[in-house]
């Protein structure tokens, strides 16, 4: 088992439940992170009228290791330090990814936009690394949040 990611753009509420070939169905569930879903409503089903992009973020442990590397690269501290002092760190880059579930949930476009900017703003740090795996995952996460910034979402499952 592991963490799979699917990013969507141009999500609309699936009002009538008609499922057509190629439609993507997303039920926004991120408890206890319901604010991460916004502007999506956690009680609605959505489908995309645009594009989707999926990738394997790794095993749960592998994703946590990657997230720790990201946190240490950008902030020079561990995720645990951010988790334990969230009020102090809430304005830091990648905060809403670092302080989010490592197994399931949805990040809507309101939080996807600043996360996409964080990925863009810190690309120069990643470009200097020799770790090809980290760079590959960084590129995938960046693409996912850039796509989701356009009225979409990044879904963890």
Protein backbone atom coordinates (compact mmCIF):
# COMPACT_ATOMS: atom_id res chain seq x y z
CA UNK A 1 0.00 0.00 0.00
CA UNK A 2 1.05 3.53 -0.58
CA UNK A 3 -0.03 7.07 -1.25
CA UNK A 4 -1.51 7.83 -4.65
CA UNK A 5 -2.24 11.37 -5.77
CA UNK A 6 -4.70 12.61 -8.37
CA UNK A 7 -4.89 16.30 -9.25
CA UNK A 8 -7.80 17.81 -11.15
CA UNK A 9 -8.66 21.19 -12.55
CA UNK A 10 -11.98 22.73 -13.51
CA UNK A 11 -14.04 20.79 -10.98
CA UNK A 12 -17.80 21.23 -10.95
CA UNK A 13 -20.43 19.77 -8.67
CA UNK A 14 -21.87 16.57 -10.11
CA UNK A 15 -25.49 17.69 -9.71
CA UNK A 16 -27.35 14.79 -11.26
CA UNK A 17 -24.99 11.93 -10.75
CA UNK A 18 -24.72 11.11 -14.45
CA UNK A 19 -21.49 9.21 -14.85
CA UNK A 20 -19.99 9.34 -18.29
CA UNK A 21 -16.86 7.62 -19.51
CA UNK A 22 -13.89 9.80 -18.62
CA UNK A 23 -15.60 11.68 -15.77
CA UNK A 24 -13.62 11.87 -12.57
CA UNK A 25 -15.54 11.60 -9.37
CA UNK A 26 -14.18 13.23 -6.25
CA UNK A 27 -15.81 13.15 -2.88
CA UNK A 28 -14.11 15.81 -0.79
CA UNK A 29 -13.11 14.17 2.46
CA UNK A 30 -10.32 15.51 4.59
CA UNK A 31 -11.49 15.19 8.18
CA UNK A 32 -10.01 16.70 10.34
CA UNK A 33 -8.67 18.96 7.56
CA UNK A 34 -11.96 20.20 6.10
CA UNK A 35 -10.57 23.73 5.60
CA UNK A 36 -8.02 22.25 3.20
CA UNK A 37 -10.87 21.31 0.83
CA UNK A 38 -12.11 24.84 0.25
CA UNK A 39 -13.78 26.02 -1.85
CA UNK A 40 -15.08 22.48 -2.29
CA UNK A 41 -17.85 21.30 0.01
CA UNK A 42 -17.09 18.03 1.76
CA UNK A 43 -20.63 16.77 1.25
CA UNK A 44 -20.64 17.12 -2.55
CA UNK A 45 -19.49 14.94 -5.41
CA UNK A 46 -17.40 16.62 -8.12
CA UNK A 47 -16.25 15.82 -11.61
CA UNK A 48 -13.71 17.56 -13.75
CA UNK A 49 -14.50 19.37 -16.96
CA UNK A 50 -10.77 19.74 -17.54
CA UNK A 51 -7.70 17.62 -16.97
CA UNK A 52 -6.33 15.25 -14.38
CA UNK A 53 -2.85 14.11 -13.43
CA UNK A 54 -1.99 11.20 -11.17
CA UNK A 55 1.17 9.81 -9.66
CA UNK A 56 2.42 7.53 -6.94
CA UNK A 57 3.85 9.57 -4.06
CA UNK A 58 5.47 6.43 -2.66
CA UNK A 59 4.78 4.23 0.31
CA UNK A 60 3.36 6.08 3.30
CA UNK A 61 6.78 5.92 4.93
CA UNK A 62 8.46 6.99 1.70
CA UNK A 63 6.16 9.98 1.37
CA UNK A 64 6.84 10.98 4.97
CA UNK A 65 10.56 10.76 4.31
CA UNK A 66 10.18 12.92 1.19
CA UNK A 67 8.08 15.46 3.14
CA UNK A 68 10.73 15.55 5.85
CA UNK A 69 13.44 16.19 3.23
CA UNK A 70 11.32 19.03 1.81
CA UNK A 71 10.83 20.59 5.22
CA UNK A 72 14.51 20.34 6.11
CA UNK A 73 15.59 21.68 2.70
CA UNK A 74 13.35 24.74 2.88
CA UNK A 75 13.14 25.44 6.63
CA UNK A 76 16.13 23.63 8.18
CA UNK A 77 13.79 22.02 10.74
CA UNK A 78 11.80 18.78 10.89
CA UNK A 79 8.05 18.48 10.25
CA UNK A 80 7.63 17.52 13.91
CA UNK A 81 8.85 20.97 14.94
CA UNK A 82 6.23 22.54 12.66
CA UNK A 83 3.47 20.18 13.83
CA UNK A 84 4.19 20.97 17.46
CA UNK A 85 4.31 24.76 16.91
CA UNK A 86 1.77 25.32 14.15
CA UNK A 87 0.80 28.85 15.14
CA UNK A 88 4.44 29.92 14.97
CA UNK A 89 4.99 28.33 11.54
CA UNK A 90 1.59 28.80 9.82
CA UNK A 91 2.92 31.38 7.35
CA UNK A 92 5.87 29.29 6.20
CA UNK A 93 6.18 27.80 2.74
CA UNK A 94 4.57 24.38 2.33
CA UNK A 95 2.83 24.64 5.71
CA UNK A 96 -0.48 23.28 4.36
CA UNK A 97 1.27 20.26 2.85
CA UNK A 98 3.50 19.59 5.85
CA UNK A 99 0.52 19.86 8.23
CA UNK A 100 -1.77 17.56 6.28
CA UNK A 101 -2.66 13.91 6.24
CA UNK A 102 -0.14 11.47 4.84
CA UNK A 103 -2.78 9.01 3.64
CA UNK A 104 -6.10 10.55 2.57
CA UNK A 105 -7.81 13.83 2.03
CA UNK A 106 -8.28 16.64 -0.44
CA UNK A 107 -6.61 20.01 -0.87
CA UNK A 108 -8.80 22.41 -2.84
CA UNK A 109 -7.78 25.32 -5.03
CA UNK A 110 -7.67 27.92 -2.25
CA UNK A 111 -4.71 26.15 -0.64
CA UNK A 112 -3.41 24.72 -3.91
CA UNK A 113 -2.58 28.19 -5.28
CA UNK A 114 -0.12 29.18 -2.55
CA UNK A 115 1.34 25.67 -2.53
CA UNK A 116 1.92 25.89 -6.29
CA UNK A 117 3.72 29.19 -5.68
CA UNK A 118 5.81 27.57 -2.92
CA UNK A 119 6.89 24.88 -5.36
CA UNK A 120 7.76 27.50 -7.96
CA UNK A 121 9.60 29.75 -5.48
CA UNK A 122 11.77 26.93 -4.11
CA UNK A 123 12.59 25.19 -7.39
CA UNK A 124 16.11 26.70 -7.30
CA UNK A 125 16.91 24.77 -4.10
CA UNK A 126 15.79 21.51 -5.68
CA UNK A 127 17.73 22.18 -8.88
CA UNK A 128 20.95 22.14 -6.83
CA UNK A 129 20.28 18.65 -5.40
CA UNK A 130 21.76 15.43 -6.72
CA UNK A 131 18.85 13.31 -5.42
CA UNK A 132 16.98 12.36 -8.60
CA UNK A 133 14.12 10.66 -6.72
CA UNK A 134 13.45 13.76 -4.61
CA UNK A 135 13.58 15.94 -7.74
CA UNK A 136 11.16 13.65 -9.59
CA UNK A 137 8.62 13.73 -6.74
CA UNK A 138 9.03 17.50 -6.36
CA UNK A 139 8.22 17.94 -10.07
CA UNK A 140 5.14 15.72 -9.75
CA UNK A 141 3.86 17.56 -6.68
CA UNK A 142 4.50 20.89 -8.39
CA UNK A 143 2.54 19.81 -11.47
CA UNK A 144 -0.31 18.56 -9.27
CA UNK A 145 -0.67 21.83 -7.35
CA UNK A 146 -0.33 23.95 -10.48
CA UNK A 147 -3.15 21.97 -12.10
CA UNK A 148 -5.32 22.12 -8.98
CA UNK A 149 -4.88 25.90 -8.77
CA UNK A 150 -7.31 26.22 -11.67
CA UNK A 151 -10.55 25.49 -9.75
CA UNK A 152 -9.41 21.99 -8.91
CA UNK A 153 -8.07 19.83 -6.13
CA UNK A 154 -5.31 17.44 -5.14
CA UNK A 155 -6.74 14.21 -3.79
CA UNK A 156 -4.69 11.91 -1.52
CA UNK A 157 -5.76 8.26 -1.40
